[in-house]
């Protein structure tokens, strides 16, 4: 039944390779979901964060780039350059709930 023309022999090989790739894809998505916290968070990471990740050029002592931030009241926005005057400004990134 095994012919060396490639038709009968290649079908099981292709099924095996497809199965291995499917298992690896499931394992990678499972690890990503575990690292992100949930499948929803993993989707958000892949959809929004990964395409925009890049290594910046800021060095110690560089001026901060101007960004638009949300105030603590949750309704007002302000630009960072508006708050950079004589007083120091501290930005804290993280969740403290």
C-alpha atoms as a PDB file:
ATOM      1  CA  UNK A   1       0.000   0.000   0.000  1.00  0.00           C
ATOM      2  CA  UNK A   2       2.947   2.361   0.553  1.00  0.00           C
ATOM      3  CA  UNK A   3       3.954   3.896  -2.733  1.00  0.00           C
ATOM      4  CA  UNK A   4       7.023   6.019  -3.134  1.00  0.00           C
ATOM      5  CA  UNK A   5       5.328   8.414  -5.506  1.00  0.00           C
ATOM      6  CA  UNK A   6       4.571  10.598  -2.501  1.00  0.00           C
ATOM      7  CA  UNK A   7       0.782  10.646  -2.508  1.00  0.00           C
ATOM      8  CA  UNK A   8       0.075   7.922   0.042  1.00  0.00           C
ATOM      9  CA  UNK A   9       3.195   8.557   2.111  1.00  0.00           C
ATOM     10  CA  UNK A  10       2.774  12.341   2.331  1.00  0.00           C
ATOM     11  CA  UNK A  11      -0.783  12.367   3.692  1.00  0.00           C
ATOM     12  CA  UNK A  12       0.114  10.870   7.104  1.00  0.00           C
ATOM     13  CA  UNK A  13       3.183  13.088   7.304  1.00  0.00           C
ATOM     14  CA  UNK A  14       1.142  16.221   6.594  1.00  0.00           C
ATOM     15  CA  UNK A  15      -1.461  15.196   9.177  1.00  0.00           C
ATOM     16  CA  UNK A  16       1.294  14.633  11.732  1.00  0.00           C
ATOM     17  CA  UNK A  17       2.932  18.016  11.030  1.00  0.00           C
ATOM     18  CA  UNK A  18      -0.450  19.781  11.180  1.00  0.00           C
ATOM     19  CA  UNK A  19      -1.200  18.075  14.496  1.00  0.00           C
ATOM     20  CA  UNK A  20       2.147  19.078  15.989  1.00  0.00           C
ATOM     21  CA  UNK A  21       1.672  22.679  14.851  1.00  0.00           C
ATOM     22  CA  UNK A  22      -1.842  22.743  16.324  1.00  0.00           C
ATOM     23  CA  UNK A  23      -0.556  21.433  19.671  1.00  0.00           C
ATOM     24  CA  UNK A  24       2.249  24.028  19.704  1.00  0.00           C
ATOM     25  CA  UNK A  25      -0.225  26.818  18.890  1.00  0.00           C
ATOM     26  CA  UNK A  26      -2.548  25.713  21.695  1.00  0.00           C
ATOM     27  CA  UNK A  27       0.359  25.480  24.134  1.00  0.00           C
ATOM     28  CA  UNK A  28       1.606  28.955  23.192  1.00  0.00           C
ATOM     29  CA  UNK A  29      -1.860  30.471  23.552  1.00  0.00           C
ATOM     30  CA  UNK A  30      -2.288  28.719  26.908  1.00  0.00           C
ATOM     31  CA  UNK A  31       1.007  30.119  28.193  1.00  0.00           C
ATOM     32  CA  UNK A  32       0.093  33.595  26.929  1.00  0.00           C
ATOM     33  CA  UNK A  33      -3.321  33.425  28.623  1.00  0.00           C
ATOM     34  CA  UNK A  34      -1.665  32.336  31.852  1.00  0.00           C
ATOM     35  CA  UNK A  35       0.896  35.139  31.701  1.00  0.00           C
ATOM     36  CA  UNK A  36      -1.692  37.798  30.795  1.00  0.00           C
ATOM     37  CA  UNK A  37      -4.221  36.622  33.386  1.00  0.00           C
ATOM     38  CA  UNK A  38      -7.110  35.601  31.143  1.00  0.00           C
ATOM     39  CA  UNK A  39      -7.902  34.928  27.480  1.00  0.00           C
ATOM     40  CA  UNK A  40      -9.490  38.387  27.227  1.00  0.00           C
ATOM     41  CA  UNK A  41      -6.314  40.047  28.516  1.00  0.00           C
ATOM     42  CA  UNK A  42      -4.168  37.916  26.207  1.00  0.00           C
ATOM     43  CA  UNK A  43      -6.270  39.038  23.244  1.00  0.00           C
ATOM     44  CA  UNK A  44      -5.863  42.667  24.304  1.00  0.00           C
ATOM     45  CA  UNK A  45      -2.108  42.190  24.628  1.00  0.00           C
ATOM     46  CA  UNK A  46      -1.772  40.694  21.169  1.00  0.00           C
ATOM     47  CA  UNK A  47      -4.244  43.078  19.543  1.00  0.00           C
ATOM     48  CA  UNK A  48      -3.154  46.391  21.032  1.00  0.00           C
ATOM     49  CA  UNK A  49       0.134  46.200  22.927  1.00  0.00           C
ATOM     50  CA  UNK A  50       2.441  44.059  20.820  1.00  0.00           C
ATOM     51  CA  UNK A  51       2.151  46.020  17.554  1.00  0.00           C
ATOM     52  CA  UNK A  52       3.020  49.259  19.354  1.00  0.00           C
ATOM     53  CA  UNK A  53       5.913  48.013  21.452  1.00  0.00           C
ATOM     54  CA  UNK A  54       9.265  49.453  20.503  1.00  0.00           C
ATOM     55  CA  UNK A  55      12.431  50.424  22.240  1.00  0.00           C
ATOM     56  CA  UNK A  56      12.466  54.120  22.981  1.00  0.00           C
ATOM     57  CA  UNK A  57      15.337  56.553  22.790  1.00  0.00           C
ATOM     58  CA  UNK A  58      14.912  58.228  26.192  1.00  0.00           C
ATOM     59  CA  UNK A  59      17.992  58.384  28.390  1.00  0.00           C
ATOM     60  CA  UNK A  60      18.452  59.479  31.985  1.00  0.00           C
ATOM     61  CA  UNK A  61      18.132  63.247  32.096  1.00  0.00           C
ATOM     62  CA  UNK A  62      16.163  63.528  28.831  1.00  0.00           C
ATOM     63  CA  UNK A  63      13.093  65.730  28.693  1.00  0.00           C
ATOM     64  CA  UNK A  64       9.847  63.824  29.028  1.00  0.00           C
ATOM     65  CA  UNK A  65       7.776  63.581  25.861  1.00  0.00           C
ATOM     66  CA  UNK A  66       4.529  65.523  25.867  1.00  0.00           C
ATOM     67  CA  UNK A  67       1.548  63.265  26.469  1.00  0.00           C
ATOM     68  CA  UNK A  68      -2.126  63.794  27.207  1.00  0.00           C
ATOM     69  CA  UNK A  69      -3.047  62.342  30.605  1.00  0.00           C
ATOM     70  CA  UNK A  70      -6.263  61.710  32.488  1.00  0.00           C
ATOM     71  CA  UNK A  71      -6.589  63.557  35.791  1.00  0.00           C
ATOM     72  CA  UNK A  72      -7.427  61.780  39.036  1.00  0.00           C
ATOM     73  CA  UNK A  73     -11.060  62.875  38.839  1.00  0.00           C
ATOM     74  CA  UNK A  74     -11.439  60.738  35.711  1.00  0.00           C
ATOM     75  CA  UNK A  75     -13.056  63.424  33.582  1.00  0.00           C
ATOM     76  CA  UNK A  76     -10.424  66.093  32.926  1.00  0.00           C
ATOM     77  CA  UNK A  77      -7.418  65.701  30.641  1.00  0.00           C
ATOM     78  CA  UNK A  78      -4.202  67.686  30.667  1.00  0.00           C
ATOM     79  CA  UNK A  79      -0.929  67.763  28.777  1.00  0.00           C
ATOM     80  CA  UNK A  80       2.273  66.935  30.596  1.00  0.00           C
ATOM     81  CA  UNK A  81       3.926  70.162  29.411  1.00  0.00           C
ATOM     82  CA  UNK A  82       1.259  72.125  31.361  1.00  0.00           C
ATOM     83  CA  UNK A  83       2.459  70.616  34.642  1.00  0.00           C
ATOM     84  CA  UNK A  84       6.214  70.808  34.031  1.00  0.00           C
ATOM     85  CA  UNK A  85       7.114  74.051  35.721  1.00  0.00           C
ATOM     86  CA  UNK A  86       9.332  74.776  38.690  1.00  0.00           C
ATOM     87  CA  UNK A  87       7.812  71.989  40.777  1.00  0.00           C
ATOM     88  CA  UNK A  88       8.727  68.324  40.330  1.00  0.00           C
ATOM     89  CA  UNK A  89       6.121  66.017  38.808  1.00  0.00           C
ATOM     90  CA  UNK A  90       5.909  62.338  39.705  1.00  0.00           C
ATOM     91  CA  UNK A  91       4.088  59.884  37.463  1.00  0.00           C
ATOM     92  CA  UNK A  92       3.211  56.512  38.957  1.00  0.00           C
ATOM     93  CA  UNK A  93       2.330  53.661  36.615  1.00  0.00           C
ATOM     94  CA  UNK A  94       0.592  50.724  38.195  1.00  0.00           C
ATOM     95  CA  UNK A  95      -2.470  49.580  40.063  1.00  0.00           C
ATOM     96  CA  UNK A  96      -2.742  50.140  43.783  1.00  0.00           C
ATOM     97  CA  UNK A  97      -6.232  48.800  44.398  1.00  0.00           C
END
